[in-house]
Amino acid sequence: MSAPVPPRDGAPAALAWLVHPVALAGLALLLINDHVLKVAFPGPATGKLSDVAGLVLAPPLVGALITLAAPRLPDRTAVAVGFGLVGAGFTAVKSHAYPAELASTAWTAVAGPSLVRADPTDLLTLPALLLSWWGWTRARRAPLRYRSARLVRLLVVLPTAMFAVAATSAVHHPYALAAAVVDGRPAVATGGGFGGNWPQEPSQGAWSVSDDGAAGWREPAEAERRQLHERRNEPRRMGCAPDVPARCYRVVVGHLRVEQSDDAGRTWRIAWEISDAQREPLARRYPDPGDVGKHFSSRQLAVAAGADGGHLVVVANGRDGYLVRRTDGRWERIGFPSSAGFAGPFRDGPPALGEVAPEQRQTDALLAAALALTLGFLVLVVAAHAALRRLGRGAGWGVAGLVAMLPAVLVLETGWSRTDDFGTVLAVFEAAALGALVAFVPLVVAWHRGAHDGWSGAVFGAFLLTVALVGVPAAGWVLGTPPRTWMTVLLAVVATMPGLLLVRRAARLVQPSDPRGPADPPYPALASHG
């Protein structure tokens, strides 16, 4: 009877698959398409080409990473997992909006500002997995057995492949910079950026012109482009209606607000606005909102004659896109012109006020969880400090823990600004990790020095109570109530008080040490002399 054949180690075959000509062709196509062709020829064709290249490259990349973590894993298992993860993940993300939003958040944490969009037509590229499978059937016949060859190819191909896959999703978010009138037609200038790199001047954007009252947009003709370039530095914060000269409009910088005058500018009233209380929750539903007062602000406006009489007003509102007053007097937020070429998260227009879907504030959900955990860790540090003081020794550990919580709070505060969602996600994990470490050390010291029995259970209960109580306003903030950040933080601090009171009472369960130290041994009684 012959002995059973041991399973093949997956690492040599998986690495051979990653450096097979089929995978290398997918890697080259992905790099060229995303960094050259998409810039020169943006559109559905280059988007589908990117999906094909990714489906060819992703399975061997996943398989190689799996076998690096578990070198003894059989090659067939690594391949099955690679194909399964890539195929199932791609299908889910392209079929439904919610998995796409989750993928965007996860990819932002890995690769920086990213956008993954659901598009069922992308599922037509799934047969590209057959190319990857064909490459596997050839690669497994010649696995990389020599350690030196595996190391060299691993150091060259693996980082390049990971860079290509990570860099494929970066997105510039659109920014409404300016509004103007050219030959009687409304025109808008749209730029793009991310993180702290936002455009500020009309020259940093691309102009679009409308021939039908801001219903559709096109690229300007050469003569129109010259006019717009010559007048690019004109301040356009006020304009008057051509059909009613006494009717004027102006933007209020620093707010999403337009004012109207019916007496040629002598008196003004609000014609349209999104209040400051509404603006913050609205802004936080956009990726990388940054400084809300600066980037969600009315910048310029233009007043043009309507094609069928009357007049229309076009307002550039920064990250929130463009606002239009129709000839019938109706104000409408329209987002960004499709001719601007930017793929934002709200392709059908800007988000409606007062409507919040969970997938639109996932980054804020992480911040809310980090706030609850950070204040919970603070309660643990206070508990350790109170116990050490009652024990009469080692109270300096508690003081050091309280001081060390300050960096965790500051890190969380930087993430709360959401200038850059990649930095926000990093700040969340850094604050949570730092808070956990700072709380763990004095707790261990307190337990080691005598804080036993019911104290540990009471302190853990106080931690859970604090996280739960702080989680109520934090979760409400994610859903829009309370709308303002400062209200949420204030309520969270108040919600911490029961936990602090509980750990103070828990300190009574600790038996204090005798500051005089152990008693001297008794002396023998002196013999009496009768």
Protein backbone atom coordinates (compact mmCIF):
# COMPACT_ATOMS: atom_id res chain seq x y z
CA MET A 1 0.00 0.00 0.00
CA SER A 2 1.50 3.34 -1.07
CA ALA A 3 1.84 6.25 1.29
CA PRO A 4 -0.52 9.24 0.78
CA VAL A 5 0.84 12.07 -1.35
CA PRO A 6 1.38 15.18 0.77
CA PRO A 7 -0.36 18.35 -0.45
CA ARG A 8 1.74 20.80 -2.41
CA ASP A 9 2.85 23.93 -0.59
CA GLY A 10 1.06 26.90 -2.12
CA ALA A 11 3.82 29.51 -1.97
CA PRO A 12 5.99 28.39 -4.96
CA ALA A 13 2.99 27.96 -7.28
CA ALA A 14 1.22 31.14 -6.14
CA LEU A 15 4.32 33.27 -6.71
CA ALA A 16 4.80 31.65 -10.13
CA TRP A 17 1.19 32.61 -10.90
CA LEU A 18 1.83 36.23 -9.88
CA VAL A 19 4.84 36.54 -12.22
CA HIS A 20 3.28 34.60 -15.11
CA PRO A 21 3.03 36.62 -18.38
CA VAL A 22 -0.78 36.75 -18.10
CA ALA A 23 -0.63 38.39 -14.65
CA LEU A 24 2.20 40.69 -15.72
CA ALA A 25 0.16 41.74 -18.77
CA GLY A 26 -2.75 42.59 -16.46
CA LEU A 27 -0.38 44.58 -14.23
CA ALA A 28 1.02 46.55 -17.19
CA LEU A 29 -2.46 47.22 -18.59
CA LEU A 30 -3.71 48.43 -15.20
CA LEU A 31 -0.82 50.86 -14.77
CA ILE A 32 -1.01 52.24 -18.32
CA ASN A 33 -4.80 52.49 -18.34
CA ASP A 34 -5.19 54.19 -14.96
CA HIS A 35 -2.29 56.62 -15.29
CA VAL A 36 -2.27 57.37 -19.03
CA LEU A 37 -5.38 56.26 -20.92
CA LYS A 38 -7.93 57.40 -18.31
CA VAL A 39 -6.38 60.86 -18.31
CA ALA A 40 -6.31 61.11 -22.11
CA PHE A 41 -9.59 59.30 -22.85
CA PRO A 42 -11.90 59.40 -19.82
CA GLY A 43 -15.09 57.41 -20.26
CA PRO A 44 -16.77 54.00 -19.99
CA ALA A 45 -14.23 52.26 -22.25
CA THR A 46 -11.21 52.96 -20.07
CA GLY A 47 -13.32 52.20 -16.99
CA LYS A 48 -14.17 48.73 -18.28
CA LEU A 49 -10.55 48.20 -19.33
CA SER A 50 -9.49 48.90 -15.76
CA ASP A 51 -11.95 46.28 -14.50
CA VAL A 52 -10.61 43.68 -16.95
CA ALA A 53 -7.01 44.31 -15.91
CA GLY A 54 -7.95 44.21 -12.23
CA LEU A 55 -9.79 40.89 -12.58
CA VAL A 56 -6.76 39.36 -14.30
CA LEU A 57 -4.30 40.62 -11.68
CA ALA A 58 -6.31 40.42 -8.44
CA PRO A 59 -6.64 36.61 -8.02
CA PRO A 60 -2.88 35.88 -8.25
CA LEU A 61 -2.17 38.88 -6.01
CA VAL A 62 -4.61 37.64 -3.36
CA GLY A 63 -3.26 34.10 -3.70
CA ALA A 64 0.33 35.31 -3.24
CA LEU A 65 -0.58 37.34 -0.15
CA ILE A 66 -2.42 34.36 1.36
CA THR A 67 0.52 32.02 0.87
CA LEU A 68 2.90 34.60 2.31
CA ALA A 69 0.82 34.50 5.49
CA ALA A 70 0.44 30.69 5.37
CA PRO A 71 3.28 29.23 3.25
CA ARG A 72 2.19 25.61 3.90
CA LEU A 73 -1.33 26.18 2.63
CA PRO A 74 -2.06 23.87 -0.35
CA ASP A 75 -1.93 25.68 -3.67
CA ARG A 76 -5.46 24.64 -4.67
CA THR A 77 -6.85 26.15 -1.46
CA ALA A 78 -5.02 29.46 -2.01
CA VAL A 79 -6.29 29.63 -5.60
CA ALA A 80 -9.88 28.84 -4.59
CA VAL A 81 -9.83 31.52 -1.90
CA GLY A 82 -8.30 34.06 -4.32
CA PHE A 83 -10.91 33.47 -7.02
CA GLY A 84 -13.73 33.32 -4.49
CA LEU A 85 -12.86 36.60 -2.76
CA VAL A 86 -12.28 38.48 -6.01
CA GLY A 87 -15.33 37.12 -7.83
CA ALA A 88 -17.78 37.47 -4.94
CA GLY A 89 -16.44 40.86 -3.89
CA PHE A 90 -16.53 42.30 -7.41
CA THR A 91 -20.07 41.02 -7.97
CA ALA A 92 -21.36 42.44 -4.68
CA VAL A 93 -19.72 45.83 -5.12
CA LYS A 94 -20.87 46.30 -8.70
CA SER A 95 -24.42 45.07 -8.05
CA HIS A 96 -25.47 47.14 -5.03
CA ALA A 97 -24.82 50.66 -3.76
CA TYR A 98 -24.31 49.72 -0.09
CA PRO A 99 -21.40 47.26 -0.68
CA ALA A 100 -19.88 49.89 -3.00
CA GLU A 101 -20.00 52.48 -0.21
CA LEU A 102 -18.42 50.00 2.21
CA ALA A 103 -15.69 49.28 -0.33
CA SER A 104 -15.07 53.02 -0.78
CA THR A 105 -14.61 53.47 2.97
CA ALA A 106 -12.32 50.45 3.26
CA TRP A 107 -10.26 51.44 0.23
CA THR A 108 -9.94 54.99 1.54
CA ALA A 109 -8.35 53.53 4.70
CA VAL A 110 -5.90 51.52 2.57
CA ALA A 111 -5.09 53.76 -0.39
CA GLY A 112 -6.27 57.27 0.45
CA PRO A 113 -9.33 59.10 -0.92
CA SER A 114 -11.15 56.54 -3.08
CA LEU A 115 -14.49 56.03 -4.77
CA VAL A 116 -15.93 52.64 -5.71
CA ARG A 117 -19.21 52.86 -7.62
CA ALA A 118 -21.92 50.28 -8.18
CA ASP A 119 -22.40 49.69 -11.91
CA PRO A 120 -24.08 46.43 -13.01
CA THR A 121 -22.69 46.84 -16.54
CA ASP A 122 -19.21 46.22 -15.09
CA LEU A 123 -20.26 42.62 -14.43
CA LEU A 124 -19.81 42.07 -18.18
CA THR A 125 -16.05 42.03 -17.50
CA LEU A 126 -16.25 38.98 -15.18
CA PRO A 127 -15.12 36.57 -17.97
CA ALA A 128 -11.67 38.16 -17.52
CA LEU A 129 -11.33 35.77 -14.58
CA LEU A 130 -11.00 32.98 -17.16
CA LEU A 131 -7.77 34.60 -18.39
CA SER A 132 -6.49 34.56 -14.83
CA TRP A 133 -7.49 30.89 -14.50
CA TRP A 134 -5.68 30.02 -17.72
CA GLY A 135 -2.55 31.71 -16.34
CA TRP A 136 -2.86 29.62 -13.18
CA THR A 137 -3.07 26.34 -15.09
CA ARG A 138 0.21 27.21 -16.82
CA ALA A 139 1.99 28.64 -13.78
CA ARG A 140 1.33 25.66 -11.49
CA ARG A 141 3.34 23.43 -13.84
CA ALA A 142 6.52 25.40 -13.12
CA PRO A 143 6.45 26.64 -9.49
CA LEU A 144 9.26 28.85 -8.22
CA ARG A 145 11.26 26.37 -6.14
CA TYR A 146 14.48 28.38 -5.78
CA ARG A 147 14.30 30.68 -2.80
CA SER A 148 16.51 33.36 -4.39
CA ALA A 149 14.35 33.57 -7.53
CA ARG A 150 11.20 33.76 -5.42
CA LEU A 151 12.68 36.53 -3.28
CA VAL A 152 13.81 38.68 -6.22
CA ARG A 153 10.50 38.41 -8.06
CA LEU A 154 8.59 38.92 -4.84
CA LEU A 155 10.43 42.16 -4.05
CA VAL A 156 9.89 43.50 -7.58
CA VAL A 157 6.46 42.31 -8.69
CA LEU A 158 4.46 42.18 -5.45
CA PRO A 159 4.95 45.86 -4.42
CA THR A 160 4.26 47.01 -7.99
CA ALA A 161 1.07 44.96 -8.16
CA MET A 162 -0.13 46.26 -4.79
CA PHE A 163 0.59 49.84 -5.86
CA ALA A 164 -1.28 49.37 -9.14
CA VAL A 165 -4.35 47.95 -7.41
CA ALA A 166 -4.30 50.52 -4.58
CA ALA A 167 -3.78 53.52 -6.88
CA THR A 168 -6.57 52.66 -9.29
CA SER A 169 -9.43 54.17 -7.25
CA ALA A 170 -8.19 57.64 -6.30
CA VAL A 171 -10.80 60.31 -7.06
CA HIS A 172 -10.86 64.09 -7.26
CA HIS A 173 -14.08 65.55 -5.91
CA PRO A 174 -15.74 68.38 -7.89
CA TYR A 175 -15.72 71.96 -6.63
CA ALA A 176 -17.95 74.81 -7.87
CA LEU A 177 -15.58 77.74 -8.33
CA ALA A 178 -17.27 80.47 -10.33
CA ALA A 179 -20.32 81.59 -12.31
CA ALA A 180 -20.42 84.04 -15.21
CA VAL A 181 -22.43 85.15 -18.25
CA VAL A 182 -20.91 84.84 -21.74
CA ASP A 183 -22.87 86.11 -24.77
CA GLY A 184 -26.00 86.10 -22.64
CA ARG A 185 -25.57 82.46 -21.60
CA PRO A 186 -24.76 81.22 -18.06
CA ALA A 187 -21.32 79.64 -17.58
CA VAL A 188 -19.75 77.86 -14.60
CA ALA A 189 -16.17 76.91 -13.71
CA THR A 190 -15.69 73.53 -11.99
CA GLY A 191 -12.43 72.37 -10.43
CA GLY A 192 -11.52 69.25 -8.48
CA GLY A 193 -9.39 68.20 -5.52
CA PHE A 194 -9.25 66.10 -2.37
CA GLY A 195 -8.05 66.31 1.22
CA GLY A 196 -6.46 69.70 1.81
CA ASN A 197 -5.84 70.32 -1.90
CA TRP A 198 -8.88 72.27 -3.06
CA PRO A 199 -8.93 74.75 -5.96
CA GLN A 200 -9.79 78.36 -5.19
CA GLU A 201 -9.51 80.32 -8.47
CA PRO A 202 -11.60 80.00 -11.67
CA SER A 203 -8.38 79.42 -13.61
CA GLN A 204 -8.02 76.13 -11.70
CA GLY A 205 -11.25 74.77 -13.17
CA ALA A 206 -12.89 73.95 -16.48
CA TRP A 207 -15.71 76.12 -17.87
CA SER A 208 -19.09 74.82 -19.02
CA VAL A 209 -21.76 76.82 -20.87
CA SER A 210 -25.54 76.28 -21.02
CA ASP A 211 -27.77 77.06 -24.00
CA ASP A 212 -31.05 76.02 -22.34
CA GLY A 213 -31.30 77.81 -19.03
CA ALA A 214 -28.93 75.61 -16.99
CA ALA A 215 -30.71 72.40 -18.01
CA GLY A 216 -27.75 71.05 -20.00
CA TRP A 217 -24.10 72.02 -20.28
CA ARG A 218 -21.39 71.90 -22.95
CA GLU A 219 -17.75 72.89 -23.33
CA PRO A 220 -17.30 76.53 -24.40
CA ALA A 221 -16.42 77.46 -27.96
CA GLU A 222 -13.03 79.04 -28.54
CA ALA A 223 -14.42 82.60 -28.63
CA GLU A 224 -16.35 81.97 -25.40
CA ARG A 225 -13.27 80.47 -23.79
CA ARG A 226 -11.26 83.61 -24.60
CA GLN A 227 -13.92 85.87 -23.10
CA LEU A 228 -14.10 83.82 -19.92
CA HIS A 229 -10.32 83.79 -19.62
CA GLU A 230 -10.10 87.57 -20.03
CA ARG A 231 -12.75 88.12 -17.34
CA ARG A 232 -11.60 85.36 -14.98
CA ASN A 233 -10.57 87.75 -12.19
CA GLU A 234 -13.79 89.78 -12.12
CA PRO A 235 -15.56 89.65 -8.73
CA ARG A 236 -19.04 88.22 -9.28
CA ARG A 237 -20.69 88.38 -5.89
CA MET A 238 -23.62 90.53 -7.01
CA GLY A 239 -25.70 90.86 -10.17
CA CYS A 240 -28.95 92.47 -11.29
CA ALA A 241 -31.72 91.08 -13.49
CA PRO A 242 -31.71 92.30 -17.11
CA ASP A 243 -35.53 92.36 -17.27
CA VAL A 244 -36.04 94.05 -13.86
CA PRO A 245 -33.01 96.34 -13.23
CA ALA A 246 -34.05 97.06 -9.63
CA ARG A 247 -33.98 93.34 -8.81
CA CYS A 248 -30.49 92.37 -7.63
CA TYR A 249 -28.94 89.32 -6.00
CA ARG A 250 -25.77 88.82 -3.94
CA VAL A 251 -24.00 85.92 -2.24
CA VAL A 252 -23.10 85.95 1.46
CA VAL A 253 -19.56 84.61 1.70
CA GLY A 254 -19.03 82.16 4.55
CA HIS A 255 -22.61 80.88 4.34
CA LEU A 256 -24.76 79.01 1.87
CA ARG A 257 -26.97 82.03 1.34
CA VAL A 258 -28.24 84.33 -1.42
CA GLU A 259 -29.88 87.68 -0.69
CA GLN A 260 -32.25 89.65 -2.90
CA SER A 261 -32.96 93.36 -3.26
CA ASP A 262 -35.96 94.86 -5.04
CA ASP A 263 -34.80 98.45 -4.71
CA ALA A 264 -31.44 98.37 -6.53
CA GLY A 265 -29.45 97.33 -3.46
CA ARG A 266 -30.73 99.68 -0.77
CA THR A 267 -32.31 96.93 1.31
CA TRP A 268 -31.76 93.18 1.26
CA ARG A 269 -33.62 90.06 2.35
CA ILE A 270 -32.79 86.34 2.23
CA ALA A 271 -33.89 84.77 -1.04
CA TRP A 272 -32.42 81.30 -0.44
CA GLU A 273 -30.23 79.66 2.20
CA ILE A 274 -29.18 76.48 3.91
CA SER A 275 -28.89 77.48 7.54
CA ASP A 276 -25.62 76.98 9.37
CA ALA A 277 -27.34 74.37 11.56
CA GLN A 278 -28.33 72.40 8.44
CA ARG A 279 -25.03 72.96 6.66
CA GLU A 280 -22.78 70.91 8.97
CA PRO A 281 -24.75 67.62 8.76
CA LEU A 282 -25.09 68.18 5.00
CA ALA A 283 -21.35 68.76 4.57
CA ARG A 284 -20.39 65.69 6.59
CA ARG A 285 -22.22 63.49 4.10
CA TYR A 286 -19.65 64.46 1.47
CA PRO A 287 -16.23 62.74 1.38
CA ASP A 288 -13.36 64.88 2.74
CA PRO A 289 -15.59 67.87 3.67
CA GLY A 290 -12.76 69.86 5.28
CA ASP A 291 -13.48 73.34 6.60
CA VAL A 292 -17.27 73.54 6.32
CA GLY A 293 -17.42 77.33 6.59
CA LYS A 294 -14.91 77.73 3.77
CA HIS A 295 -15.76 74.94 1.31
CA PHE A 296 -19.54 74.89 1.73
CA SER A 297 -20.03 78.56 1.03
CA SER A 298 -21.60 80.64 -1.72
CA ARG A 299 -18.74 82.06 -3.80
CA GLN A 300 -20.02 83.74 -6.98
CA LEU A 301 -23.23 84.26 -8.90
CA ALA A 302 -24.33 85.26 -12.38
CA VAL A 303 -27.71 86.61 -13.54
CA ALA A 304 -28.75 85.90 -17.13
CA ALA A 305 -31.88 86.45 -19.20
CA GLY A 306 -34.15 83.44 -19.55
CA ALA A 307 -34.78 81.97 -22.99
CA ASP A 308 -38.57 82.37 -22.55
CA GLY A 309 -38.51 85.64 -20.62
CA GLY A 310 -37.68 86.42 -17.04
CA HIS A 311 -34.23 85.76 -15.64
CA LEU A 312 -32.24 82.99 -14.01
CA VAL A 313 -29.50 83.07 -11.37
CA VAL A 314 -26.60 80.61 -11.17
CA VAL A 315 -24.63 80.41 -7.90
CA ALA A 316 -21.33 78.57 -7.28
CA ASN A 317 -21.55 76.93 -3.83
CA GLY A 318 -18.15 75.22 -3.52
CA ARG A 319 -18.36 71.53 -2.56
CA ASP A 320 -22.18 71.56 -2.72
CA GLY A 321 -22.16 72.34 -6.45
CA TYR A 322 -24.36 74.86 -8.24
CA LEU A 323 -27.62 76.52 -7.29
CA VAL A 324 -30.04 77.80 -9.96
CA ARG A 325 -32.99 80.15 -9.69
CA ARG A 326 -35.34 79.20 -12.50
CA THR A 327 -37.29 81.80 -14.44
CA ASP A 328 -40.41 80.91 -12.44
CA GLY A 329 -38.65 81.91 -9.20
CA ARG A 330 -37.92 78.38 -7.99
CA TRP A 331 -34.46 77.73 -6.44
CA GLU A 332 -32.86 74.35 -7.17
CA ARG A 333 -29.55 72.75 -6.20
CA ILE A 334 -28.34 70.92 -9.32
CA GLY A 335 -24.96 69.52 -8.28
CA PHE A 336 -22.35 69.59 -11.04
CA PRO A 337 -22.51 69.61 -14.86
CA SER A 338 -21.78 66.21 -16.39
CA SER A 339 -19.48 67.99 -18.87
CA ALA A 340 -17.12 68.83 -15.99
CA GLY A 341 -15.88 65.23 -16.06
CA PHE A 342 -15.81 64.56 -12.31
CA ALA A 343 -17.35 61.41 -10.84
CA GLY A 344 -18.81 62.42 -7.50
CA PRO A 345 -20.84 60.26 -5.09
CA PHE A 346 -24.12 62.03 -5.97
CA ARG A 347 -24.48 61.50 -9.71
CA ASP A 348 -28.20 62.34 -9.64
CA GLY A 349 -27.67 65.65 -7.84
CA PRO A 350 -26.62 66.79 -4.38
CA PRO A 351 -27.94 65.00 -1.29
CA ALA A 352 -31.36 66.18 -0.14
CA LEU A 353 -31.54 68.02 3.15
CA GLY A 354 -32.77 66.01 6.11
CA GLU A 355 -32.31 62.60 4.50
CA VAL A 356 -29.48 60.49 5.89
CA ALA A 357 -28.69 56.97 4.72
CA PRO A 358 -26.26 54.91 6.88
CA GLU A 359 -23.81 54.40 4.01
CA GLN A 360 -23.47 58.17 3.52
CA ARG A 361 -21.80 58.76 6.90
CA GLN A 362 -19.70 55.65 7.51
CA THR A 363 -16.63 57.70 8.37
CA ASP A 364 -18.66 59.61 10.96
CA ALA A 365 -19.85 56.27 12.38
CA LEU A 366 -16.20 55.37 12.99
CA LEU A 367 -15.67 58.74 14.68
CA ALA A 368 -18.73 58.20 16.88
CA ALA A 369 -17.45 54.77 17.94
CA ALA A 370 -13.98 56.18 18.63
CA LEU A 371 -15.49 58.95 20.80
CA ALA A 372 -17.41 56.41 22.89
CA LEU A 373 -14.36 54.17 23.29
CA THR A 374 -12.01 57.05 24.13
CA LEU A 375 -14.27 58.33 26.91
CA GLY A 376 -14.69 54.74 28.11
CA PHE A 377 -10.90 54.38 28.32
CA LEU A 378 -10.75 57.66 30.23
CA VAL A 379 -13.13 56.19 32.83
CA LEU A 380 -10.83 53.15 33.13
CA VAL A 381 -7.81 55.39 33.76
CA VAL A 382 -9.72 57.32 36.43
CA ALA A 383 -10.73 53.99 38.04
CA ALA A 384 -7.11 52.82 38.15
CA HIS A 385 -5.99 56.15 39.61
CA ALA A 386 -8.67 56.04 42.34
CA ALA A 387 -7.76 52.44 43.24
CA LEU A 388 -4.04 53.19 43.42
CA ARG A 389 -4.65 56.20 45.65
CA ARG A 390 -6.73 54.06 48.01
CA LEU A 391 -3.98 51.44 48.04
CA GLY A 392 -1.61 54.20 49.06
CA ARG A 393 1.07 53.37 46.53
CA GLY A 394 1.61 53.80 42.79
CA ALA A 395 -0.82 56.70 42.32
CA GLY A 396 1.72 58.21 39.92
CA TRP A 397 0.71 55.56 37.37
CA GLY A 398 -2.82 56.94 37.37
CA VAL A 399 -1.62 60.52 37.00
CA ALA A 400 0.62 59.49 34.11
CA GLY A 401 -2.34 57.71 32.49
CA LEU A 402 -4.52 60.79 32.76
CA VAL A 403 -1.81 62.91 31.15
CA ALA A 404 -1.24 60.31 28.44
CA MET A 405 -4.96 60.36 27.51
CA LEU A 406 -4.50 63.91 26.21
CA PRO A 407 -2.68 62.81 23.00
CA ALA A 408 -5.46 60.29 22.30
CA VAL A 409 -8.05 63.06 22.62
CA LEU A 410 -6.00 65.38 20.37
CA VAL A 411 -5.58 62.66 17.73
CA LEU A 412 -9.32 62.06 17.76
CA GLU A 413 -9.95 65.80 17.44
CA THR A 414 -7.83 65.99 14.29
CA GLY A 415 -9.84 63.17 12.77
CA TRP A 416 -13.10 64.88 13.70
CA SER A 417 -12.35 67.75 11.30
CA ARG A 418 -12.54 65.27 8.37
CA THR A 419 -10.24 67.39 6.22
CA ASP A 420 -9.06 64.14 4.70
CA ASP A 421 -11.03 60.92 5.18
CA PHE A 422 -7.88 58.81 4.86
CA GLY A 423 -6.38 60.74 7.77
CA THR A 424 -9.67 60.49 9.63
CA VAL A 425 -9.71 56.69 9.49
CA LEU A 426 -6.08 56.59 10.62
CA ALA A 427 -6.87 59.00 13.48
CA VAL A 428 -9.75 56.79 14.61
CA PHE A 429 -7.59 53.69 14.88
CA GLU A 430 -4.66 55.58 16.40
CA ALA A 431 -6.89 57.17 19.07
CA ALA A 432 -8.50 53.82 19.91
CA ALA A 433 -5.16 51.98 20.09
CA LEU A 434 -3.52 54.72 22.17
CA GLY A 435 -6.48 54.95 24.54
CA ALA A 436 -6.54 51.18 25.06
CA LEU A 437 -2.80 51.10 25.81
CA VAL A 438 -2.97 54.06 28.19
CA ALA A 439 -5.87 52.45 30.10
CA PHE A 440 -4.34 48.98 30.18
CA VAL A 441 -1.08 49.88 31.95
CA PRO A 442 -2.46 51.54 35.14
CA LEU A 443 -5.23 48.92 35.34
CA VAL A 444 -2.67 46.11 35.42
CA VAL A 445 -0.60 47.99 38.01
CA ALA A 446 -3.69 48.50 40.20
CA TRP A 447 -4.69 44.85 39.92
CA HIS A 448 -1.14 43.67 40.64
CA ARG A 449 -0.96 45.80 43.78
CA GLY A 450 -4.11 44.49 45.38
CA ALA A 451 -7.25 45.78 43.58
CA HIS A 452 -8.96 42.38 43.34
CA ASP A 453 -12.37 40.89 44.08
CA GLY A 454 -15.39 42.88 42.93
CA TRP A 455 -13.41 45.93 41.86
CA SER A 456 -12.52 44.56 38.41
CA GLY A 457 -16.13 43.67 37.61
CA ALA A 458 -17.42 47.04 38.76
CA VAL A 459 -14.82 48.90 36.68
CA PHE A 460 -15.59 46.85 33.58
CA GLY A 461 -19.28 47.56 34.10
CA ALA A 462 -18.53 51.29 34.33
CA PHE A 463 -16.62 51.07 31.04
CA LEU A 464 -19.55 49.37 29.28
CA LEU A 465 -22.02 51.83 30.79
CA THR A 466 -19.96 54.79 29.59
CA VAL A 467 -19.61 53.43 26.06
CA ALA A 468 -23.36 52.78 25.90
CA LEU A 469 -24.37 56.20 27.27
CA VAL A 470 -21.92 58.12 25.08
CA GLY A 471 -22.99 56.01 22.13
CA VAL A 472 -26.53 57.43 22.29
CA PRO A 473 -25.70 61.06 21.33
CA ALA A 474 -22.86 59.87 19.10
CA ALA A 475 -25.18 57.61 17.10
CA GLY A 476 -27.80 60.35 17.01
CA TRP A 477 -25.21 62.73 15.57
CA VAL A 478 -24.48 60.28 12.75
CA LEU A 479 -28.21 60.21 11.97
CA GLY A 480 -28.52 64.00 12.16
CA THR A 481 -29.75 64.64 15.72
CA PRO A 482 -28.11 66.56 17.31
CA PRO A 483 -26.91 68.26 14.11
CA ARG A 484 -23.95 70.17 15.54
CA THR A 485 -20.66 68.61 16.60
CA TRP A 486 -20.23 70.74 19.72
CA MET A 487 -23.66 69.61 20.99
CA THR A 488 -22.65 65.98 20.52
CA VAL A 489 -19.36 66.40 22.37
CA LEU A 490 -21.08 68.24 25.23
CA LEU A 491 -23.71 65.50 25.59
CA ALA A 492 -20.97 62.85 25.42
CA VAL A 493 -19.07 64.51 28.28
CA VAL A 494 -22.24 64.65 30.37
CA ALA A 495 -22.92 60.98 29.56
CA THR A 496 -19.50 60.12 31.03
CA MET A 497 -20.48 61.30 34.53
CA PRO A 498 -22.35 58.13 35.66
CA GLY A 499 -19.33 56.01 34.76
CA LEU A 500 -17.03 58.31 36.74
CA LEU A 501 -19.32 58.15 39.77
CA LEU A 502 -19.46 54.36 39.50
CA VAL A 503 -15.66 53.92 39.46
CA ARG A 504 -15.36 56.25 42.43
CA ARG A 505 -17.73 54.01 44.37
CA ALA A 506 -15.88 50.94 43.07
CA ALA A 507 -12.67 52.24 44.67
CA ARG A 508 -14.26 51.55 48.07
CA LEU A 509 -14.03 47.84 47.26
CA VAL A 510 -10.24 48.10 47.38
CA GLN A 511 -8.70 47.36 50.78
CA PRO A 512 -6.32 50.21 51.60
CA SER A 513 -2.75 49.46 52.58
CA ASP A 514 -1.48 50.36 56.05
CA PRO A 515 0.85 53.33 55.49
CA ARG A 516 2.91 52.29 58.54
CA GLY A 517 3.84 49.00 56.92
CA PRO A 518 3.62 45.55 58.56
CA ALA A 519 3.54 45.41 62.38
CA ASP A 520 6.66 44.44 64.25
CA PRO A 521 6.67 40.89 65.64
CA PRO A 522 5.55 40.69 69.28
CA TYR A 523 8.28 40.60 71.90
CA PRO A 524 8.33 37.72 74.40
CA ALA A 525 6.78 38.53 77.74
CA LEU A 526 9.28 39.41 80.45
CA ALA A 527 9.51 36.94 83.28
CA SER A 528 8.22 38.34 86.51
CA HIS A 529 10.32 38.15 89.63
CA GLY A 530 8.53 37.47 92.78
